[in-house]
Amino acid sequence: MRPGAVYFGSYFFIKELRYRYYNGTHAYAHGRLLVDNCRPTCAQAGYFANATAYFWVVFNHRGPGKHFGYLRLRWGRHLQHSMLLWISSAGWWAWR
């Protein structure tokens, strides 16, 4: 399954993912990232930026199937490298 969006919390997500490749070991996609630095507040709504996402390291979990364990996210001059992803007991993606 190729997700069309990945949420990293209430104010940070990437949507409209278009995959260049997606297989059993890694995936690479382009999408639109919501960036909200919550200054002065998170209610300011942030902005969308073009971004690339590279997923790797596949893990099993309690739910059906497998999931990617790491994500490198790049937008503009910014790079969030090697975020650890997992699926919570409620079925939501979480990151650190």
N, C-alpha and C. Protein backbone atom coordinates (compact mmCIF):
# COMPACT_ATOMS: atom_id res chain seq x y z
N MET A 1 0.84 -1.18 0.00
CA MET A 1 0.00 0.00 0.00
C MET A 1 0.88 1.24 0.00
N ARG A 2 0.65 2.15 -0.88
CA ARG A 2 1.40 3.40 -0.96
C ARG A 2 0.54 4.52 -0.38
N PRO A 3 0.87 4.99 0.82
CA PRO A 3 0.04 6.04 1.42
C PRO A 3 0.12 7.34 0.63
N GLY A 4 -1.00 8.03 0.53
CA GLY A 4 -1.05 9.32 -0.14
C GLY A 4 -0.63 10.46 0.76
N ALA A 5 -0.59 10.21 2.07
CA ALA A 5 -0.20 11.22 3.04
C ALA A 5 0.39 10.53 4.27
N VAL A 6 1.31 11.21 4.94
CA VAL A 6 1.88 10.72 6.20
C VAL A 6 1.80 11.87 7.19
N TYR A 7 1.18 11.63 8.35
CA TYR A 7 1.00 12.65 9.38
C TYR A 7 2.02 12.43 10.49
N PHE A 8 2.62 13.52 10.93
CA PHE A 8 3.62 13.48 12.00
C PHE A 8 3.12 14.22 13.22
N GLY A 9 1.84 14.33 13.41
CA GLY A 9 1.24 15.09 14.48
C GLY A 9 0.21 16.03 13.89
N SER A 10 -0.34 16.89 14.70
CA SER A 10 -1.42 17.77 14.25
C SER A 10 -0.97 18.83 13.26
N TYR A 11 0.25 19.31 13.38
CA TYR A 11 0.67 20.46 12.58
C TYR A 11 1.84 20.16 11.65
N PHE A 12 2.05 18.91 11.30
CA PHE A 12 3.19 18.57 10.46
C PHE A 12 2.83 17.32 9.68
N PHE A 13 2.63 17.44 8.37
CA PHE A 13 2.31 16.28 7.56
C PHE A 13 2.72 16.53 6.11
N ILE A 14 2.87 15.45 5.37
CA ILE A 14 3.17 15.53 3.95
C ILE A 14 2.03 14.84 3.21
N LYS A 15 1.50 15.52 2.19
CA LYS A 15 0.35 15.01 1.45
C LYS A 15 0.68 14.98 -0.04
N GLU A 16 -0.27 14.49 -0.83
CA GLU A 16 -0.13 14.41 -2.28
C GLU A 16 1.17 13.70 -2.69
N LEU A 17 1.49 12.61 -1.99
CA LEU A 17 2.72 11.88 -2.29
C LEU A 17 2.64 11.20 -3.65
N ARG A 18 3.65 11.43 -4.46
CA ARG A 18 3.81 10.79 -5.76
C ARG A 18 5.14 10.04 -5.72
N TYR A 19 5.07 8.74 -5.90
CA TYR A 19 6.24 7.88 -5.70
C TYR A 19 7.05 7.72 -6.99
N ARG A 20 8.35 7.90 -6.88
CA ARG A 20 9.26 7.55 -7.98
C ARG A 20 9.53 6.06 -7.93
N TYR A 21 9.71 5.53 -6.73
CA TYR A 21 9.80 4.08 -6.56
C TYR A 21 9.30 3.71 -5.18
N TYR A 22 8.85 2.47 -5.07
CA TYR A 22 8.27 1.93 -3.84
C TYR A 22 8.41 0.43 -3.92
N ASN A 23 9.18 -0.16 -3.00
CA ASN A 23 9.34 -1.61 -3.02
C ASN A 23 9.42 -2.13 -1.59
N GLY A 24 9.83 -3.35 -1.42
CA GLY A 24 9.86 -3.98 -0.11
C GLY A 24 10.95 -3.52 0.82
N THR A 25 11.87 -2.66 0.35
CA THR A 25 12.97 -2.20 1.20
C THR A 25 13.04 -0.69 1.36
N HIS A 26 12.56 0.07 0.38
CA HIS A 26 12.60 1.53 0.49
C HIS A 26 11.63 2.17 -0.49
N ALA A 27 11.38 3.47 -0.27
CA ALA A 27 10.48 4.22 -1.14
C ALA A 27 10.98 5.67 -1.22
N TYR A 28 10.68 6.31 -2.34
CA TYR A 28 11.07 7.70 -2.56
C TYR A 28 9.89 8.42 -3.18
N ALA A 29 9.49 9.55 -2.61
CA ALA A 29 8.30 10.25 -3.08
C ALA A 29 8.48 11.76 -3.00
N HIS A 30 7.69 12.47 -3.80
CA HIS A 30 7.58 13.93 -3.74
C HIS A 30 6.20 14.25 -3.22
N GLY A 31 6.07 15.35 -2.49
CA GLY A 31 4.77 15.74 -1.99
C GLY A 31 4.77 17.18 -1.50
N ARG A 32 3.69 17.54 -0.80
CA ARG A 32 3.51 18.88 -0.24
C ARG A 32 3.54 18.75 1.27
N LEU A 33 4.52 19.42 1.90
CA LEU A 33 4.72 19.34 3.35
C LEU A 33 4.13 20.56 4.02
N LEU A 34 3.29 20.35 5.03
CA LEU A 34 2.80 21.46 5.85
C LEU A 34 3.88 21.77 6.88
N VAL A 35 4.36 23.00 6.85
CA VAL A 35 5.38 23.45 7.78
C VAL A 35 4.74 24.51 8.67
N ASP A 36 4.72 24.27 9.97
CA ASP A 36 4.16 25.21 10.93
C ASP A 36 5.11 25.28 12.11
N ASN A 37 5.83 26.40 12.24
CA ASN A 37 6.79 26.53 13.35
C ASN A 37 6.12 27.00 14.64
N CYS A 38 4.80 27.18 14.60
CA CYS A 38 4.01 27.55 15.79
C CYS A 38 4.47 28.87 16.41
N ARG A 39 4.90 29.80 15.58
CA ARG A 39 5.29 31.13 16.06
C ARG A 39 4.42 32.16 15.39
N PRO A 40 3.66 32.94 16.01
CA PRO A 40 3.56 33.02 17.47
C PRO A 40 2.71 31.91 18.08
N THR A 41 1.79 31.31 17.28
CA THR A 41 1.00 30.18 17.78
C THR A 41 0.83 29.17 16.66
N CYS A 42 0.43 27.97 17.01
CA CYS A 42 0.19 26.94 16.01
C CYS A 42 -1.07 27.21 15.20
N ALA A 43 -1.89 28.14 15.67
CA ALA A 43 -3.13 28.47 14.97
C ALA A 43 -2.88 29.30 13.72
N GLN A 44 -1.66 29.72 13.46
CA GLN A 44 -1.34 30.53 12.28
C GLN A 44 -1.47 29.74 10.99
N ALA A 45 -1.54 28.44 11.05
CA ALA A 45 -1.79 27.52 9.93
C ALA A 45 -0.57 27.19 9.09
N GLY A 46 0.56 27.86 9.22
CA GLY A 46 1.77 27.49 8.51
C GLY A 46 1.66 27.68 7.00
N TYR A 47 2.46 26.93 6.26
CA TYR A 47 2.48 27.01 4.81
C TYR A 47 2.87 25.65 4.24
N PHE A 48 2.57 25.43 2.96
CA PHE A 48 2.95 24.20 2.29
C PHE A 48 4.21 24.43 1.46
N ALA A 49 5.12 23.47 1.48
CA ALA A 49 6.35 23.53 0.71
C ALA A 49 6.52 22.22 -0.05
N ASN A 50 7.12 22.28 -1.23
CA ASN A 50 7.47 21.06 -1.95
C ASN A 50 8.51 20.30 -1.15
N ALA A 51 8.36 19.00 -1.07
CA ALA A 51 9.27 18.20 -0.25
C ALA A 51 9.51 16.84 -0.90
N THR A 52 10.61 16.21 -0.50
CA THR A 52 10.89 14.83 -0.89
C THR A 52 10.99 13.98 0.38
N ALA A 53 10.56 12.76 0.27
CA ALA A 53 10.59 11.83 1.40
C ALA A 53 11.24 10.53 0.95
N TYR A 54 12.19 10.07 1.73
CA TYR A 54 12.86 8.80 1.47
C TYR A 54 12.64 7.91 2.68
N PHE A 55 11.99 6.77 2.49
CA PHE A 55 11.67 5.82 3.56
C PHE A 55 12.57 4.60 3.42
N TRP A 56 13.04 4.04 4.54
CA TRP A 56 13.83 2.81 4.48
C TRP A 56 13.75 2.05 5.80
N VAL A 57 14.31 0.87 5.84
CA VAL A 57 14.31 -0.10 6.95
C VAL A 57 12.87 -0.54 7.25
N VAL A 58 12.54 -1.73 6.80
CA VAL A 58 11.19 -2.26 6.95
C VAL A 58 11.08 -3.08 8.22
N PHE A 59 9.99 -2.87 8.98
CA PHE A 59 9.73 -3.58 10.23
C PHE A 59 8.37 -4.24 10.19
N ASN A 60 8.24 -5.35 10.89
CA ASN A 60 6.93 -5.94 11.15
C ASN A 60 6.32 -5.21 12.34
N HIS A 61 5.00 -5.26 12.46
CA HIS A 61 4.33 -4.70 13.63
C HIS A 61 3.10 -5.54 13.91
N ARG A 62 2.40 -5.20 14.98
CA ARG A 62 1.27 -6.03 15.40
C ARG A 62 0.11 -6.03 14.42
N GLY A 63 -0.04 -4.96 13.67
CA GLY A 63 -1.12 -4.88 12.68
C GLY A 63 -0.76 -5.67 11.44
N PRO A 64 -1.59 -5.58 10.41
CA PRO A 64 -1.29 -6.31 9.18
C PRO A 64 -0.11 -5.68 8.44
N GLY A 65 0.69 -6.51 7.82
CA GLY A 65 1.76 -6.03 6.97
C GLY A 65 2.97 -5.51 7.69
N LYS A 66 3.74 -4.67 7.01
CA LYS A 66 4.98 -4.11 7.51
C LYS A 66 4.94 -2.60 7.37
N HIS A 67 5.94 -1.93 7.91
CA HIS A 67 6.03 -0.49 7.72
C HIS A 67 7.49 -0.07 7.68
N PHE A 68 7.74 1.11 7.09
CA PHE A 68 9.08 1.65 7.05
C PHE A 68 9.43 2.22 8.41
N GLY A 69 10.68 2.06 8.81
CA GLY A 69 11.10 2.50 10.13
C GLY A 69 11.76 3.86 10.16
N TYR A 70 12.31 4.32 9.03
CA TYR A 70 13.03 5.59 9.02
C TYR A 70 12.60 6.45 7.85
N LEU A 71 12.72 7.75 8.03
CA LEU A 71 12.34 8.71 7.02
C LEU A 71 13.34 9.84 6.98
N ARG A 72 13.79 10.20 5.78
CA ARG A 72 14.58 11.42 5.58
C ARG A 72 13.67 12.35 4.79
N LEU A 73 13.44 13.53 5.33
CA LEU A 73 12.50 14.48 4.75
C LEU A 73 13.26 15.75 4.40
N ARG A 74 13.14 16.20 3.14
CA ARG A 74 13.85 17.39 2.69
C ARG A 74 12.87 18.37 2.06
N TRP A 75 12.97 19.65 2.45
CA TRP A 75 12.19 20.70 1.83
C TRP A 75 13.02 21.98 1.84
N GLY A 76 13.09 22.65 0.71
CA GLY A 76 13.92 23.85 0.59
C GLY A 76 15.35 23.54 1.01
N ARG A 77 15.90 24.33 1.91
CA ARG A 77 17.24 24.10 2.44
C ARG A 77 17.23 23.22 3.68
N HIS A 78 16.06 22.79 4.09
CA HIS A 78 15.91 22.03 5.34
C HIS A 78 16.02 20.53 5.08
N LEU A 79 16.55 19.84 6.07
CA LEU A 79 16.65 18.39 6.02
C LEU A 79 16.38 17.84 7.41
N GLN A 80 15.36 17.04 7.52
CA GLN A 80 15.10 16.31 8.76
C GLN A 80 15.56 14.90 8.48
N HIS A 81 16.62 14.48 9.12
CA HIS A 81 17.28 13.22 8.75
C HIS A 81 16.97 12.11 9.74
N SER A 82 16.67 10.97 9.21
CA SER A 82 16.55 9.73 9.98
C SER A 82 15.55 9.80 11.12
N MET A 83 14.35 10.29 10.84
CA MET A 83 13.31 10.23 11.85
C MET A 83 12.90 8.79 12.05
N LEU A 84 12.76 8.37 13.27
CA LEU A 84 12.30 7.03 13.58
C LEU A 84 10.77 7.04 13.56
N LEU A 85 10.18 6.18 12.75
CA LEU A 85 8.73 6.08 12.63
C LEU A 85 8.24 4.79 13.25
N TRP A 86 7.04 4.80 13.76
CA TRP A 86 6.42 3.56 14.21
C TRP A 86 4.91 3.76 14.20
N ILE A 87 4.20 2.67 14.29
CA ILE A 87 2.74 2.72 14.34
C ILE A 87 2.31 2.50 15.77
N SER A 88 1.53 3.44 16.31
CA SER A 88 1.09 3.37 17.70
C SER A 88 0.05 2.27 17.86
N SER A 89 -0.31 1.98 19.12
CA SER A 89 -1.32 0.95 19.38
C SER A 89 -2.68 1.36 18.82
N ALA A 90 -2.89 2.66 18.59
CA ALA A 90 -4.15 3.14 18.02
C ALA A 90 -4.14 3.07 16.49
N GLY A 91 -3.01 2.65 15.90
CA GLY A 91 -2.92 2.54 14.46
C GLY A 91 -2.41 3.79 13.76
N TRP A 92 -1.98 4.81 14.53
CA TRP A 92 -1.47 6.04 13.94
C TRP A 92 0.04 5.97 13.80
N TRP A 93 0.58 6.63 12.74
CA TRP A 93 2.03 6.76 12.62
C TRP A 93 2.49 7.75 13.67
N ALA A 94 3.60 7.48 14.26
CA ALA A 94 4.24 8.39 15.22
C ALA A 94 5.69 8.56 14.80
N TRP A 95 6.35 9.60 15.27
CA TRP A 95 7.74 9.83 14.87
C TRP A 95 8.50 10.47 16.02
N ARG A 96 9.83 10.35 15.91
CA ARG A 96 10.70 10.94 16.92
C ARG A 96 11.99 11.34 16.23
